Protein backbone atom coordinates (compact mmCIF):
# COMPACT_ATOMS: atom_id res chain seq x y z
CA MET A 1 47.50 89.51 86.87
CA PHE A 2 45.97 92.94 86.19
CA GLU A 3 42.72 91.85 84.62
CA GLY A 4 39.28 90.61 85.51
CA ILE A 5 37.29 91.49 88.62
CA ILE A 6 39.40 92.31 91.68
CA THR A 7 37.44 92.68 94.92
CA PRO A 8 38.44 95.43 97.35
CA ILE A 9 37.17 93.49 100.35
CA VAL A 10 35.40 95.07 103.29
CA THR A 11 37.23 94.69 106.59
CA PRO A 12 35.09 92.60 108.96
CA ILE A 13 34.68 94.26 112.36
CA LYS A 14 33.23 92.69 115.50
CA ARG A 15 30.31 94.33 117.29
CA ASN A 16 32.24 94.86 120.50
CA GLU A 17 33.57 97.85 122.38
CA ASP A 18 37.02 97.53 120.81
CA GLU A 19 35.66 97.25 117.26
CA SER A 20 38.22 94.50 116.76
CA LEU A 21 39.04 92.73 113.51
CA ASN A 22 37.01 89.62 112.68
CA VAL A 23 39.45 87.32 110.91
CA GLU A 24 37.04 84.38 110.75
CA ALA A 25 34.49 86.48 108.86
CA MET A 26 37.25 87.61 106.48
CA LYS A 27 37.99 83.95 105.71
CA GLN A 28 34.33 83.28 104.93
CA LEU A 29 34.14 86.31 102.64
CA VAL A 30 37.38 85.48 100.82
CA ASP A 31 36.38 81.85 100.25
CA HIS A 32 33.02 82.98 98.89
CA LEU A 33 34.61 85.46 96.49
CA ILE A 34 37.21 83.04 95.17
CA GLU A 35 34.55 80.36 94.70
CA LYS A 36 32.51 82.86 92.67
CA GLY A 37 35.45 83.51 90.35
CA VAL A 38 37.05 86.84 91.25
CA SER A 39 40.52 87.41 89.83
CA GLY A 40 42.07 89.00 92.92
CA ILE A 41 41.58 90.00 96.54
CA PHE A 42 42.38 93.55 97.62
CA PRO A 43 42.49 94.31 101.35
CA LEU A 44 42.81 97.85 102.76
CA GLY A 45 41.05 99.75 100.03
CA SER A 46 38.44 102.46 100.52
CA ASN A 47 35.66 99.94 101.15
CA GLY A 48 38.17 98.21 103.42
CA GLU A 49 38.19 101.28 105.69
CA PHE A 50 41.99 101.62 105.55
CA HIS A 51 41.60 105.18 106.81
CA VAL A 52 40.26 104.05 110.20
CA LEU A 53 42.67 101.17 110.85
CA ASP A 54 45.94 101.70 112.66
CA ASN A 55 49.13 100.44 111.05
CA GLU A 56 49.44 97.42 113.33
CA GLU A 57 45.90 96.34 112.44
CA LYS A 58 46.65 96.87 108.76
CA MET A 59 49.56 94.45 108.85
CA ILE A 60 47.74 91.90 111.02
CA PHE A 61 44.86 91.92 108.57
CA THR A 62 47.16 91.83 105.54
CA LYS A 63 48.99 88.77 106.87
CA ALA A 64 45.72 87.01 107.68
CA VAL A 65 44.38 87.65 104.17
CA ILE A 66 47.59 86.57 102.41
CA ASP A 67 47.85 83.41 104.51
CA HIS A 68 44.23 82.46 103.91
CA VAL A 69 44.20 83.21 100.19
CA ASN A 70 47.28 80.97 100.01
CA GLN A 71 48.14 81.93 96.41
CA ARG A 72 44.73 80.94 95.03
CA VAL A 73 44.51 84.42 93.47
CA PRO A 74 46.79 87.47 93.66
CA VAL A 75 46.52 89.70 96.73
CA TYR A 76 46.75 93.47 96.19
CA VAL A 77 47.36 95.42 99.42
CA GLY A 78 46.50 99.07 99.95
CA THR A 79 49.50 100.84 101.50
CA GLY A 80 48.88 104.50 100.69
CA ALA A 81 49.25 107.19 103.36
CA CYS A 82 49.58 110.97 103.54
CA SER A 83 53.37 110.92 103.81
CA THR A 84 55.87 109.25 101.53
CA LYS A 85 57.70 107.96 104.62
CA GLU A 86 54.67 106.11 105.98
CA THR A 87 53.69 104.80 102.54
CA VAL A 88 57.20 103.37 102.07
CA GLN A 89 57.12 101.74 105.51
CA LEU A 90 53.73 100.11 104.91
CA SER A 91 54.72 99.04 101.40
CA LYS A 92 57.89 97.32 102.61
CA GLN A 93 55.97 95.55 105.35
CA ALA A 94 53.26 94.33 102.97
CA GLU A 95 55.89 93.10 100.52
CA ALA A 96 57.64 91.19 103.33
CA LEU A 97 54.32 89.56 104.26
CA GLY A 98 53.91 88.21 100.74
CA ALA A 99 51.69 90.71 98.93
CA ASP A 100 51.60 90.15 95.17
CA ALA A 101 51.10 93.84 94.41
CA LEU A 102 50.40 97.14 96.16
CA SER A 103 47.71 99.74 95.61
CA VAL A 104 48.90 103.23 96.51
CA ILE A 105 46.34 106.01 96.84
CA THR A 106 47.46 109.60 96.24
CA PRO A 107 48.33 111.45 99.46
CA TYR A 108 45.09 112.89 100.79
CA PHE A 109 44.03 116.01 102.73
CA LEU A 110 47.00 117.91 101.28
CA LYS A 111 47.09 118.60 97.53
CA PRO A 112 50.51 117.66 96.12
CA SER A 113 51.72 119.22 92.89
CA GLU A 114 52.32 117.08 89.82
CA GLU A 115 56.06 117.04 90.50
CA GLU A 116 55.43 116.06 94.12
CA LEU A 117 53.17 113.22 92.99
CA ILE A 118 55.85 111.94 90.63
CA GLN A 119 58.48 112.10 93.38
CA HIS A 120 56.14 110.36 95.84
CA TYR A 121 55.34 107.45 93.57
CA THR A 122 58.92 107.15 92.39
CA LYS A 123 60.24 106.81 95.94
CA VAL A 124 57.55 104.29 96.87
CA ALA A 125 58.23 102.22 93.75
CA GLU A 126 61.97 102.26 94.41
CA SER A 127 61.42 100.95 97.94
CA VAL A 128 59.90 97.62 96.83
CA LYS A 129 60.27 95.08 94.04
CA ILE A 130 56.65 94.01 93.62
CA PRO A 131 54.20 95.73 91.23
CA ILE A 132 52.41 98.94 92.20
CA ILE A 133 48.97 100.13 91.13
CA LEU A 134 48.32 103.85 91.42
CA TYR A 135 44.93 104.69 92.91
CA ASN A 136 43.13 107.77 91.63
CA ILE A 137 40.03 108.84 93.57
CA PRO A 138 39.90 112.64 93.46
CA LYS A 139 36.48 112.95 95.16
CA ALA A 140 38.05 111.51 98.32
CA THR A 141 41.60 112.88 98.10
CA GLY A 142 41.16 116.25 96.40
CA VAL A 143 43.81 115.52 93.78
CA ASN A 144 43.58 113.91 90.33
CA ILE A 145 46.47 112.07 88.73
CA SER A 146 46.79 113.68 85.31
CA ALA A 147 47.57 111.73 82.17
CA SER A 148 50.91 113.53 81.95
CA VAL A 149 51.88 112.42 85.47
CA LEU A 150 50.89 108.86 84.60
CA LYS A 151 52.93 109.03 81.39
CA ALA A 152 56.01 110.05 83.38
CA LEU A 153 55.45 107.20 85.84
CA THR A 154 55.10 104.54 83.13
CA LYS A 155 58.89 104.68 82.84
CA ILE A 156 59.23 103.09 86.28
CA GLU A 157 59.46 99.32 85.82
CA ASN A 158 57.32 98.14 88.73
CA ILE A 159 54.52 100.67 88.30
CA ARG A 160 52.18 98.32 86.50
CA GLY A 161 48.70 99.74 86.79
CA ILE A 162 46.34 102.55 87.72
CA LYS A 163 42.87 102.29 89.24
CA ASP A 164 40.70 105.19 88.16
CA SER A 165 37.76 105.95 90.45
CA SER A 166 37.23 109.44 89.11
CA GLY A 167 34.08 108.38 87.26
CA ASP A 168 35.24 110.59 84.39
CA LEU A 169 35.44 108.63 81.14
CA ASP A 170 37.58 111.32 79.51
CA ASN A 171 40.07 110.93 82.36
CA LEU A 172 40.01 107.15 81.91
CA ARG A 173 40.49 107.52 78.16
CA GLY A 174 43.51 109.73 78.77
CA TYR A 175 45.08 107.02 80.94
CA ILE A 176 44.47 104.38 78.30
CA GLU A 177 46.03 106.54 75.59
CA VAL A 178 49.25 107.31 77.50
CA THR A 179 49.74 103.70 78.61
CA LYS A 180 49.53 102.19 75.12
CA GLY A 181 52.70 100.26 74.38
CA THR A 182 53.74 100.23 78.06
CA ASN A 183 53.48 97.65 80.84
CA VAL A 184 50.90 99.74 82.70
CA ASN A 185 47.34 98.43 82.87
CA VAL A 186 44.28 100.63 83.38
CA LEU A 187 41.68 99.33 85.84
CA VAL A 188 38.18 100.75 86.24
CA GLY A 189 37.36 101.85 89.77
CA SER A 190 33.86 103.21 89.14
CA ASP A 191 31.45 100.28 89.09
CA SER A 192 28.94 102.09 86.87
CA LYS A 193 31.60 102.56 84.18
CA ILE A 194 33.09 99.05 83.90
CA LEU A 195 31.75 98.12 80.48
CA ALA A 196 32.49 101.57 79.06
CA GLY A 197 36.05 101.26 80.36
CA TYR A 198 36.45 97.78 78.91
CA LYS A 199 35.32 99.01 75.51
CA MET A 200 38.04 101.69 75.65
CA GLY A 201 40.76 99.20 76.59
CA ALA A 202 40.76 98.85 80.37
CA THR A 203 41.98 95.39 81.36
CA GLY A 204 39.92 94.87 84.51
CA ALA A 205 38.00 96.43 87.36
CA ILE A 206 38.49 96.88 91.09
CA ALA A 207 34.82 96.77 92.01
CA GLY A 208 33.47 97.27 95.52
CA THR A 209 30.06 95.92 94.54
CA SER A 210 31.68 92.53 93.83
CA ASN A 211 31.80 91.98 97.60
CA LEU A 212 28.06 91.29 97.35
CA ILE A 213 26.87 90.73 93.76
CA THR A 214 29.94 88.78 92.72
CA ALA A 215 28.20 86.69 90.07
CA THR A 216 26.95 89.85 88.33
CA LEU A 217 30.41 91.44 88.17
CA VAL A 218 32.25 88.26 87.18
CA GLY A 219 29.52 87.52 84.63
CA LEU A 220 29.90 90.99 83.11
CA ASP A 221 33.65 90.48 82.75
CA GLN A 222 33.26 87.02 81.24
CA ALA A 223 30.51 88.11 78.85
CA PHE A 224 32.62 90.98 77.51
CA ARG A 225 35.64 88.75 76.98
CA ALA A 226 33.43 86.26 75.13
CA GLY A 227 32.16 89.01 72.83
CA LYS A 228 28.64 88.86 74.32
CA ILE A 229 28.23 92.62 74.53
CA ASP A 230 24.43 92.65 74.93
CA GLU A 231 24.69 90.28 77.89
CA ALA A 232 27.49 92.36 79.37
CA GLN A 233 25.35 95.50 79.00
CA LYS A 234 22.43 93.88 80.84
CA LEU A 235 24.73 92.88 83.69
CA GLN A 236 26.25 96.35 83.80
CA GLN A 237 22.78 97.85 84.14
CA ASP A 238 21.86 95.30 86.81
CA ILE A 239 24.54 96.72 89.12
CA GLU A 240 22.36 99.82 89.49
CA GLU A 241 19.93 98.03 91.83
CA LEU A 242 22.71 97.82 94.41
CA ARG A 243 24.11 101.25 93.65
CA LYS A 244 20.69 102.82 94.31
CA VAL A 245 20.78 101.82 97.98
CA LEU A 246 24.44 102.56 98.72
CA PRO A 247 23.81 106.30 99.33
CA LEU A 248 21.40 105.42 102.17
CA GLY A 249 24.33 105.30 104.59
CA THR A 250 27.92 106.38 104.97
CA VAL A 251 30.46 104.19 103.14
CA PRO A 252 30.72 101.26 103.63
CA SER A 253 27.86 100.72 106.11
CA ILE A 254 25.19 99.75 103.57
CA LEU A 255 27.47 97.35 101.71
CA LYS A 256 28.61 95.62 104.91
CA ARG A 257 25.05 95.22 106.20
CA ALA A 258 23.96 93.83 102.83
CA ILE A 259 26.76 91.23 102.95
CA GLU A 260 25.54 90.17 106.39
CA LEU A 261 21.87 90.03 105.41
CA ALA A 262 22.78 87.96 102.34
CA GLY A 263 24.36 85.39 104.68
CA ILE A 264 27.80 85.66 103.07
CA ALA A 265 29.76 86.57 106.21
CA LYS A 266 29.24 88.43 109.49
CA VAL A 267 31.37 91.38 108.46
CA GLY A 268 29.90 93.64 111.14
CA PRO A 269 29.39 97.37 111.07
CA ALA A 270 31.63 100.08 109.71
CA ARG A 271 33.87 101.68 112.32
CA LEU A 272 32.72 104.73 114.22
CA PRO A 273 31.94 107.49 113.55
CA VAL A 274 30.02 105.66 110.80
CA GLU A 275 26.81 104.35 112.36
CA GLU A 276 24.81 101.17 111.81
CA VAL A 277 22.19 101.46 109.07
CA SER A 278 18.70 102.65 109.92
CA VAL A 279 15.64 100.38 110.08
CA GLN A 280 14.28 102.10 106.97
CA ALA A 281 17.53 101.55 105.07
CA GLU A 282 17.64 97.91 106.13
CA GLU A 283 14.21 97.31 104.59
CA LYS A 284 15.43 98.77 101.30
CA ILE A 285 18.54 96.59 101.49
CA LYS A 286 16.34 93.50 101.88
CA ASN A 287 14.29 94.52 98.84
CA MET A 288 17.51 94.99 96.87
CA LEU A 289 18.77 91.55 97.92
CA SER A 290 15.55 89.93 96.73
CA HIS A 291 16.19 91.43 93.29
CA TYR A 292 19.46 89.51 93.16
CA GLN A 293 17.92 86.44 94.82
CA LEU A 294 20.35 86.76 97.72
């Protein structure tokens, strides 16, 4: 369950005054991703703009995704929040809706101590029965889950994974070392580091770029597992063509526009205050898509 390419799907938004959820576009995107061979669907991640959705929308979207996936692949739902109370509430609701696992980001804006992080994750894990993946993204939250904190949390039965988006291979290596012999899987969250992580022992990747260049990401994973390291390296390098254009707008505006221009699904813009991409950026997106023959 905690291996292969898991897609943290973008949340489709309509171009209307209410910026309402576009469930039909979500269905198109999910069907496309499953057809291309992803190992899991992950709504309400960072690329899913969880931070700009209210809790009612989060659960409406979660239910729609779970119902449409219909057990074809596991569904991992992001339920992290600043407070333990809210995280527990969202986690219980997602579990009741049929989530296969939860992804729980560290509390953000504040900077909890190591003991506070352990208490937070312990209480969340105790509130549900399904597996939990810790989500480490210090550039966005201001706090890094240390290897010692992870080691303490490996003792909790339903903490089964950690996604590391730090981009720091030493940090990733530390996670892999302290989880050896445990039930906790390490997942790469930095798309430029997937192959390096796999070589160290990571079991899979939660890769935002797989929303668009799915064949490249799934191919990388399959090539590595087949022992075709040179092929996997070429595919890893090929991700850079997409990564070059992503900084042209605020996350996830460029990725969402690229998905639309590729004809995958009308996922709409990112929510305000993130603006639509510029005309200049759109031209560069089109050039990037031609590289991938999309």
